[in-house]
C-alpha atoms as a PDB file:
ATOM      1  CA  MET A   1     219.139 159.478  84.728  1.00  0.00           C
ATOM      2  CA  TRP A   2     217.507 158.086  87.865  1.00  0.00           C
ATOM      3  CA  GLN A   3     214.425 160.318  87.901  1.00  0.00           C
ATOM      4  CA  GLU A   4     212.370 158.256  85.466  1.00  0.00           C
ATOM      5  CA  LEU A   5     213.211 155.013  87.247  1.00  0.00           C
ATOM      6  CA  ASN A   6     212.286 156.593  90.580  1.00  0.00           C
ATOM      7  CA  ARG A   7     208.925 157.673  89.137  1.00  0.00           C
ATOM      8  CA  GLN A   8     208.321 154.095  88.033  1.00  0.00           C
ATOM      9  CA  ILE A   9     209.155 152.814  91.513  1.00  0.00           C
ATOM     10  CA  LEU A  10     206.770 155.280  93.166  1.00  0.00           C
ATOM     11  CA  ALA A  11     203.990 154.346  90.733  1.00  0.00           C
ATOM     12  CA  GLY A  12     204.637 150.679  91.455  1.00  0.00           C
ATOM     13  CA  GLN A  13     204.421 151.281  95.197  1.00  0.00           C
ATOM     14  CA  ASP A  14     201.106 153.125  94.792  1.00  0.00           C
ATOM     15  CA  PHE A  15     199.749 150.257  92.686  1.00  0.00           C
ATOM     16  CA  PHE A  16     200.987 147.734  95.239  1.00  0.00           C
ATOM     17  CA  ASP A  17     199.338 149.576  98.132  1.00  0.00           C
ATOM     18  CA  ASP A  18     196.030 149.754  96.237  1.00  0.00           C
ATOM     19  CA  GLN A  19     196.151 146.019  95.577  1.00  0.00           C
ATOM     20  CA  CYS A  20     196.927 145.313  99.226  1.00  0.00           C
ATOM     21  CA  ARG A  21     194.007 147.418 100.435  1.00  0.00           C
ATOM     22  CA  SER A  22     191.626 145.498  98.180  1.00  0.00           C
ATOM     23  CA  LEU A  23     193.063 142.174  99.315  1.00  0.00           C
ATOM     24  CA  LEU A  24     192.770 143.059 103.005  1.00  0.00           C
ATOM     25  CA  VAL A  25     189.104 143.987 102.542  1.00  0.00           C
ATOM     26  CA  ALA A  26     188.476 140.623 100.888  1.00  0.00           C
ATOM     27  CA  LEU A  27     190.298 138.779 103.668  1.00  0.00           C
ATOM     28  CA  ARG A  28     188.262 140.533 106.369  1.00  0.00           C
ATOM     29  CA  GLU A  29     185.103 139.433 104.587  1.00  0.00           C
ATOM     30  CA  GLN A  30     186.461 135.870 104.793  1.00  0.00           C
ATOM     31  CA  SER A  31     187.164 136.312 108.538  1.00  0.00           C
ATOM     32  CA  VAL A  32     190.927 136.079 107.987  1.00  0.00           C
ATOM     33  CA  THR A  33     192.812 138.060 110.628  1.00  0.00           C
ATOM     34  CA  ILE A  34     195.900 140.082 109.742  1.00  0.00           C
ATOM     35  CA  TYR A  35     197.800 140.919 112.915  1.00  0.00           C
ATOM     36  CA  CYS A  36     199.904 143.842 111.649  1.00  0.00           C
ATOM     37  CA  LYS A  37     199.257 147.242 113.260  1.00  0.00           C
ATOM     38  CA  ALA A  38     201.008 150.553 113.846  1.00  0.00           C
ATOM     39  CA  GLY A  39     203.892 150.202 116.290  1.00  0.00           C
ATOM     40  CA  CYS A  40     204.134 146.445 115.788  1.00  0.00           C
ATOM     41  CA  SER A  41     207.770 146.137 114.743  1.00  0.00           C
ATOM     42  CA  ASN A  42     208.903 142.540 115.183  1.00  0.00           C
ATOM     43  CA  CYS A  43     209.195 142.105 111.410  1.00  0.00           C
ATOM     44  CA  CYS A  44     211.702 144.983 111.474  1.00  0.00           C
ATOM     45  CA  THR A  45     214.180 142.602 113.114  1.00  0.00           C
ATOM     46  CA  LEU A  46     214.238 140.598 109.869  1.00  0.00           C
ATOM     47  CA  MET A  47     216.707 141.361 107.085  1.00  0.00           C
ATOM     48  CA  VAL A  48     215.435 144.458 105.237  1.00  0.00           C
ATOM     49  CA  ASN A  49     216.386 144.220 101.565  1.00  0.00           C
ATOM     50  CA  ALA A  50     215.632 146.633  98.734  1.00  0.00           C
ATOM     51  CA  THR A  51     216.372 147.301  95.113  1.00  0.00           C
ATOM     52  CA  PHE A  52     218.822 150.157  94.667  1.00  0.00           C
ATOM     53  CA  PRO A  53     216.209 152.547  93.175  1.00  0.00           C
ATOM     54  CA  GLU A  54     214.085 151.998  96.297  1.00  0.00           C
ATOM     55  CA  ALA A  55     217.101 152.801  98.456  1.00  0.00           C
ATOM     56  CA  LEU A  56     217.576 156.077  96.572  1.00  0.00           C
ATOM     57  CA  LEU A  57     214.004 157.078  97.421  1.00  0.00           C
ATOM     58  CA  VAL A  58     214.602 156.328 101.097  1.00  0.00           C
ATOM     59  CA  GLY A  59     217.923 158.164 101.109  1.00  0.00           C
ATOM     60  CA  ALA A  60     216.286 161.303  99.750  1.00  0.00           C
ATOM     61  CA  VAL A  61     214.186 161.730 102.918  1.00  0.00           C
ATOM     62  CA  LEU A  62     216.708 160.779 105.616  1.00  0.00           C
ATOM     63  CA  ALA A  63     217.458 163.252 108.379  1.00  0.00           C
ATOM     64  CA  PRO A  64     221.110 163.526 109.533  1.00  0.00           C
ATOM     65  CA  GLU A  65     220.434 161.590 112.727  1.00  0.00           C
ATOM     66  CA  GLN A  66     218.780 158.808 110.727  1.00  0.00           C
ATOM     67  CA  PHE A  67     221.794 158.503 108.481  1.00  0.00           C
ATOM     68  CA  ASP A  68     224.077 158.337 111.530  1.00  0.00           C
ATOM     69  CA  ALA A  69     222.070 155.332 112.733  1.00  0.00           C
ATOM     70  CA  VAL A  70     222.157 153.793 109.249  1.00  0.00           C
ATOM     71  CA  ALA A  71     225.936 154.249 108.974  1.00  0.00           C
ATOM     72  CA  ALA A  72     226.576 152.594 112.338  1.00  0.00           C
ATOM     73  CA  HIS A  73     224.306 149.697 111.367  1.00  0.00           C
ATOM     74  CA  ALA A  74     225.968 149.337 107.946  1.00  0.00           C
ATOM     75  CA  GLU A  75     229.439 149.225 109.463  1.00  0.00           C
ATOM     76  CA  GLY A  76     228.201 146.418 111.702  1.00  0.00           C
ATOM     77  CA  LEU A  77     226.795 144.617 108.663  1.00  0.00           C
ATOM     78  CA  ALA A  78     230.174 144.884 106.941  1.00  0.00           C
ATOM     79  CA  ARG A  79     231.951 143.294 109.902  1.00  0.00           C
ATOM     80  CA  ILE A  80     229.445 140.454 110.080  1.00  0.00           C
ATOM     81  CA  ALA A  81     229.522 139.885 106.304  1.00  0.00           C
ATOM     82  CA  CYS A  82     233.309 139.545 106.439  1.00  0.00           C
ATOM     83  CA  ASP A  83     233.252 137.088 109.340  1.00  0.00           C
ATOM     84  CA  ALA A  84     230.116 134.994 108.701  1.00  0.00           C
ATOM     85  CA  ARG A  85     230.654 131.343 107.764  1.00  0.00           C
ATOM     86  CA  ASP A  86     227.645 131.304 105.444  1.00  0.00           C
ATOM     87  CA  PHE A  87     224.363 133.109 104.780  1.00  0.00           C
ATOM     88  CA  LYS A  88     222.556 131.412 107.663  1.00  0.00           C
ATOM     89  CA  ASP A  89     225.315 132.474 110.056  1.00  0.00           C
ATOM     90  CA  TYR A  90     225.149 136.015 108.657  1.00  0.00           C
ATOM     91  CA  LEU A  91     221.382 136.196 109.262  1.00  0.00           C
ATOM     92  CA  ARG A  92     221.686 134.848 112.799  1.00  0.00           C
ATOM     93  CA  ARG A  93     224.501 137.204 113.791  1.00  0.00           C
ATOM     94  CA  ARG A  94     222.914 140.228 112.132  1.00  0.00           C
ATOM     95  CA  ARG A  95     219.711 139.790 114.090  1.00  0.00           C
ATOM     96  CA  ARG A  96     221.484 138.958 117.354  1.00  0.00           C
ATOM     97  CA  ASP A  97     224.232 141.582 117.240  1.00  0.00           C
ATOM     98  CA  LEU A  98     222.641 144.532 115.434  1.00  0.00           C
ATOM     99  CA  GLY A  99     218.970 144.341 116.326  1.00  0.00           C
ATOM    100  CA  PRO A 100     216.174 145.910 114.285  1.00  0.00           C
ATOM    101  CA  CYS A 101     216.257 148.165 111.242  1.00  0.00           C
ATOM    102  CA  PRO A 102     218.079 151.422 112.087  1.00  0.00           C
ATOM    103  CA  LEU A 103     215.185 153.413 110.604  1.00  0.00           C
ATOM    104  CA  LEU A 104     212.778 152.189 113.275  1.00  0.00           C
ATOM    105  CA  ASN A 105     211.588 154.976 115.596  1.00  0.00           C
ATOM    106  CA  ALA A 106     211.548 154.650 119.376  1.00  0.00           C
ATOM    107  CA  ASP A 107     207.761 154.195 119.311  1.00  0.00           C
ATOM    108  CA  GLY A 108     208.085 151.112 117.076  1.00  0.00           C
ATOM    109  CA  ARG A 109     206.947 152.917 113.929  1.00  0.00           C
ATOM    110  CA  CYS A 110     208.879 153.085 110.667  1.00  0.00           C
ATOM    111  CA  GLY A 111     210.798 156.348 110.282  1.00  0.00           C
ATOM    112  CA  VAL A 112     210.474 156.253 106.478  1.00  0.00           C
ATOM    113  CA  TYR A 113     207.055 154.611 106.204  1.00  0.00           C
ATOM    114  CA  ALA A 114     205.887 156.524 103.123  1.00  0.00           C
ATOM    115  CA  VAL A 115     208.887 155.366 101.073  1.00  0.00           C
ATOM    116  CA  ARG A 116     209.580 151.994 102.698  1.00  0.00           C
ATOM    117  CA  PRO A 117     210.625 149.318 100.172  1.00  0.00           C
ATOM    118  CA  ILE A 118     208.334 146.698  98.693  1.00  0.00           C
ATOM    119  CA  ALA A 119     209.944 143.982 100.832  1.00  0.00           C
ATOM    120  CA  CYS A 120     208.521 145.732 103.902  1.00  0.00           C
ATOM    121  CA  ARG A 121     205.155 146.538 102.336  1.00  0.00           C
ATOM    122  CA  ALA A 122     204.655 142.900 101.337  1.00  0.00           C
ATOM    123  CA  LEU A 123     204.780 141.373 104.837  1.00  0.00           C
ATOM    124  CA  PHE A 124     201.349 140.715 106.324  1.00  0.00           C
ATOM    125  CA  ALA A 125     201.266 138.391 109.328  1.00  0.00           C
ATOM    126  CA  THR A 126     198.479 135.822 109.639  1.00  0.00           C
ATOM    127  CA  ARG A 127     199.628 134.854 113.136  1.00  0.00           C
ATOM    128  CA  ASN A 128     200.311 136.863 116.282  1.00  0.00           C
ATOM    129  CA  SER A 129     203.176 139.272 115.705  1.00  0.00           C
ATOM    130  CA  ALA A 130     205.207 137.558 118.414  1.00  0.00           C
ATOM    131  CA  TRP A 131     205.954 134.929 115.778  1.00  0.00           C
ATOM    132  CA  CYS A 132     207.660 137.569 113.621  1.00  0.00           C
ATOM    133  CA  ALA A 133     210.448 137.842 116.202  1.00  0.00           C
ATOM    134  CA  VAL A 134     210.985 134.114 116.735  1.00  0.00           C
ATOM    135  CA  ASP A 135     214.303 132.535 115.769  1.00  0.00           C
ATOM    136  CA  PHE A 136     213.050 129.208 114.457  1.00  0.00           C
ATOM    137  CA  GLY A 137     216.526 127.748 114.782  1.00  0.00           C
ATOM    138  CA  THR A 138     216.054 127.808 118.555  1.00  0.00           C
ATOM    139  CA  LEU A 139     212.655 126.073 118.610  1.00  0.00           C
ATOM    140  CA  HIS A 140     212.093 122.446 119.527  1.00  0.00           C
ATOM    141  CA  SER A 141     210.978 120.318 116.579  1.00  0.00           C
ATOM    142  CA  ALA A 142     207.558 119.802 118.188  1.00  0.00           C
ATOM    143  CA  GLU A 143     207.065 123.577 118.432  1.00  0.00           C
ATOM    144  CA  LYS A 144     208.011 124.020 114.785  1.00  0.00           C
ATOM    145  CA  GLU A 145     205.644 121.257 113.727  1.00  0.00           C
ATOM    146  CA  ALA A 146     202.769 122.721 115.752  1.00  0.00           C
ATOM    147  CA  PHE A 147     203.344 126.149 114.216  1.00  0.00           C
ATOM    148  CA  MET A 148     203.520 124.890 110.633  1.00  0.00           C
ATOM    149  CA  SER A 149     200.469 122.678 111.057  1.00  0.00           C
ATOM    150  CA  SER A 150     198.491 125.776 112.100  1.00  0.00           C
ATOM    151  CA  LEU A 151     199.190 127.534 108.787  1.00  0.00           C
ATOM    152  CA  ASP A 152     196.907 127.630 105.761  1.00  0.00           C
ATOM    153  CA  PRO A 153     199.145 126.673 102.796  1.00  0.00           C
ATOM    154  CA  SER A 154     196.648 128.223 100.383  1.00  0.00           C
ATOM    155  CA  LEU A 155     197.054 131.596 102.103  1.00  0.00           C
ATOM    156  CA  VAL A 156     200.651 131.915 103.284  1.00  0.00           C
ATOM    157  CA  ALA A 157     204.126 131.662 101.823  1.00  0.00           C
ATOM    158  CA  PHE A 158     204.710 128.331 103.565  1.00  0.00           C
ATOM    159  CA  PRO A 159     206.481 127.639 105.903  1.00  0.00           C
ATOM    160  CA  THR A 160     206.142 131.295 106.994  1.00  0.00           C
ATOM    161  CA  HIS A 161     202.977 132.892 108.356  1.00  0.00           C
ATOM    162  CA  TYR A 162     203.120 135.813 105.905  1.00  0.00           C
ATOM    163  CA  LEU A 163     200.593 136.273 103.098  1.00  0.00           C
ATOM    164  CA  ALA A 164     201.746 134.690  99.856  1.00  0.00           C
ATOM    165  CA  ALA A 165     199.791 136.928  97.468  1.00  0.00           C
ATOM    166  CA  THR A 166     201.404 140.177  98.587  1.00  0.00           C
ATOM    167  CA  GLN A 167     204.880 138.672  98.501  1.00  0.00           C
ATOM    168  CA  ALA A 168     204.308 137.321  94.995  1.00  0.00           C
ATOM    169  CA  LEU A 169     203.153 140.729  93.757  1.00  0.00           C
ATOM    170  CA  GLY A 170     206.069 142.392  95.504  1.00  0.00           C
ATOM    171  CA  GLN A 171     208.522 140.069  93.802  1.00  0.00           C
ATOM    172  CA  GLN A 172     207.010 140.974  90.434  1.00  0.00           C
ATOM    173  CA  LEU A 173     207.535 144.682  91.100  1.00  0.00           C
ATOM    174  CA  GLU A 174     211.087 144.094  92.315  1.00  0.00           C
ATOM    175  CA  ALA A 175     211.791 142.082  89.167  1.00  0.00           C
ATOM    176  CA  ARG A 176     210.413 144.950  87.082  1.00  0.00           C
ATOM    177  CA  ALA A 177     212.771 147.394  88.807  1.00  0.00           C
ATOM    178  CA  ALA A 178     215.689 145.031  88.235  1.00  0.00           C
ATOM    179  CA  ALA A 179     214.791 144.656  84.563  1.00  0.00           C
ATOM    180  CA  ALA A 180     214.695 148.439  84.173  1.00  0.00           C
ATOM    181  CA  MET A 181     218.214 148.681  85.583  1.00  0.00           C
ATOM    182  CA  VAL A 182     219.462 145.897  83.311  1.00  0.00           C
ATOM    183  CA  SER A 183     217.980 147.581  80.246  1.00  0.00           C
ATOM    184  CA  ARG A 184     219.814 150.796  81.103  1.00  0.00           C
ATOM    185  CA  TRP A 185     223.144 149.631  82.479  1.00  0.00           C
ATOM    186  CA  GLY A 186     223.432 145.900  81.839  1.00  0.00           C
ATOM    187  CA  PHE A 187     223.012 144.795  85.442  1.00  0.00           C
ATOM    188  CA  SER A 188     220.839 145.334  88.495  1.00  0.00           C
ATOM    189  CA  LEU A 189     221.796 145.754  92.128  1.00  0.00           C
ATOM    190  CA  ASN A 190     219.952 145.052  95.353  1.00  0.00           C
ATOM    191  CA  GLY A 191     220.811 144.206  98.931  1.00  0.00           C
ATOM    192  CA  SER A 192     220.551 145.359 102.515  1.00  0.00           C
ATOM    193  CA  LEU A 193     218.652 148.653 102.604  1.00  0.00           C
ATOM    194  CA  ALA A 194     220.948 150.078 105.277  1.00  0.00           C
ATOM    195  CA  PHE A 195     224.069 149.055 103.368  1.00  0.00           C
ATOM    196  CA  LEU A 196     222.809 150.489 100.067  1.00  0.00           C
ATOM    197  CA  LEU A 197     222.054 153.794 101.799  1.00  0.00           C
ATOM    198  CA  PHE A 198     225.551 153.731 103.268  1.00  0.00           C
ATOM    199  CA  LEU A 199     227.141 153.013  99.869  1.00  0.00           C
ATOM    200  CA  GLU A 200     225.303 155.901  98.257  1.00  0.00           C
ATOM    201  CA  GLN A 201     226.541 158.285 100.930  1.00  0.00           C
ATOM    202  CA  ARG A 202     230.129 157.016 101.038  1.00  0.00           C
ATOM    203  CA  CYS A 203     230.744 155.952  97.428  1.00  0.00           C
ATOM    204  CA  ARG A 204     228.091 157.746  95.332  1.00  0.00           C
ATOM    205  CA  LEU A 205     226.815 154.401  94.104  1.00  0.00           C
ATOM    206  CA  SER A 206     224.274 156.088  91.831  1.00  0.00           C
ATOM    207  CA  ALA A 207     227.169 157.634  89.883  1.00  0.00           C
ATOM    208  CA  LEU A 208     229.116 154.366  89.731  1.00  0.00           C
ATOM    209  CA  ILE A 209     226.322 152.165  88.359  1.00  0.00           C
ATOM    210  CA  PRO A 210     226.082 153.925  84.948  1.00  0.00           C
ATOM    211  CA  GLN A 211     229.793 153.128  84.471  1.00  0.00           C
ATOM    212  CA  GLY A 212     228.958 149.409  84.353  1.00  0.00           C
ATOM    213  CA  LEU A 213     229.234 146.358  86.570  1.00  0.00           C
ATOM    214  CA  ALA A 214     233.019 145.957  86.426  1.00  0.00           C
ATOM    215  CA  ALA A 215     233.681 149.592  87.313  1.00  0.00           C
ATOM    216  CA  THR A 216     231.097 149.509  90.100  1.00  0.00           C
ATOM    217  CA  ARG A 217     232.530 146.395  91.715  1.00  0.00           C
ATOM    218  CA  GLN A 218     236.081 147.645  91.314  1.00  0.00           C
ATOM    219  CA  ALA A 219     235.260 150.908  93.092  1.00  0.00           C
ATOM    220  CA  LEU A 220     233.404 149.147  95.906  1.00  0.00           C
ATOM    221  CA  ALA A 221     236.212 146.610  96.304  1.00  0.00           C
ATOM    222  CA  ALA A 222     238.764 149.419  96.536  1.00  0.00           C
ATOM    223  CA  ALA A 223     236.702 150.933  99.351  1.00  0.00           C
ATOM    224  CA  GLY A 224     236.357 147.537 101.063  1.00  0.00           C
ATOM    225  CA  TYR A 225     232.617 147.295 100.444  1.00  0.00           C
ATOM    226  CA  ASP A 226     232.209 144.631  97.724  1.00  0.00           C
ATOM    227  CA  LEU A 227     230.982 142.144 100.309  1.00  0.00           C
ATOM    228  CA  PRO A 228     228.844 138.987 100.315  1.00  0.00           C
ATOM    229  CA  PHE A 229     225.284 138.947 101.662  1.00  0.00           C
ATOM    230  CA  VAL A 230     224.840 142.756 101.750  1.00  0.00           C
ATOM    231  CA  VAL A 231     225.125 143.551  98.021  1.00  0.00           C
ATOM    232  CA  ASN A 232     223.798 141.393  95.174  1.00  0.00           C
ATOM    233  CA  TYR A 233     224.390 141.872  91.450  1.00  0.00           C
ATOM    234  CA  ASP A 234     222.463 140.389  88.515  1.00  0.00           C
ATOM    235  CA  PRO A 235     224.085 139.288  86.322  1.00  0.00           C
ATOM    236  CA  ILE A 236     227.076 138.582  88.549  1.00  0.00           C
END
């Protein structure tokens, strides 16, 4: 049931990585610096989202201690999702209270790098990685203006400093995964990677989805996990 979709996701990730390698070579030839490197993990403090098929691939390689960290993080996400005033408040509190992705190793490297979702693969920083950890809500307006004026709008997903081309391609692949789910089951599901991993372990989400959207949401609601911000359905 899921095997064919998982094969499509893996093929899409391989294609994406090939495209990124070619793009990075071209950018180096244009003297464009990409600041990402092994152990640079500030982007891992951002919200890590994934399509559900991507989450299944990650879940298949988790060690018990990794899942323990994921479960603790997901329970924190659930508390914040219940209490947050709005999405902006959720993002602020998630980053402040929970810290980075629970799959980040102590050395700053991704613990599931080979199967990390497209959302992670697509981020390439065109400014020093310190900017990846900045909460722009805390910056003075002059600092924000200076940062944005330093960006090349033809290169980045303005007003961020991340490459636009890789994010655009990543969104296409995510949309393809969503469309594959819709064609099979009438809806797609994405959300927080940690929370999706948690739902698969606690609720067998992969067995619920083929029963349809209503049955899936009913089961998650009964367990207390049909929450805003952490799980998204299309169509709703």
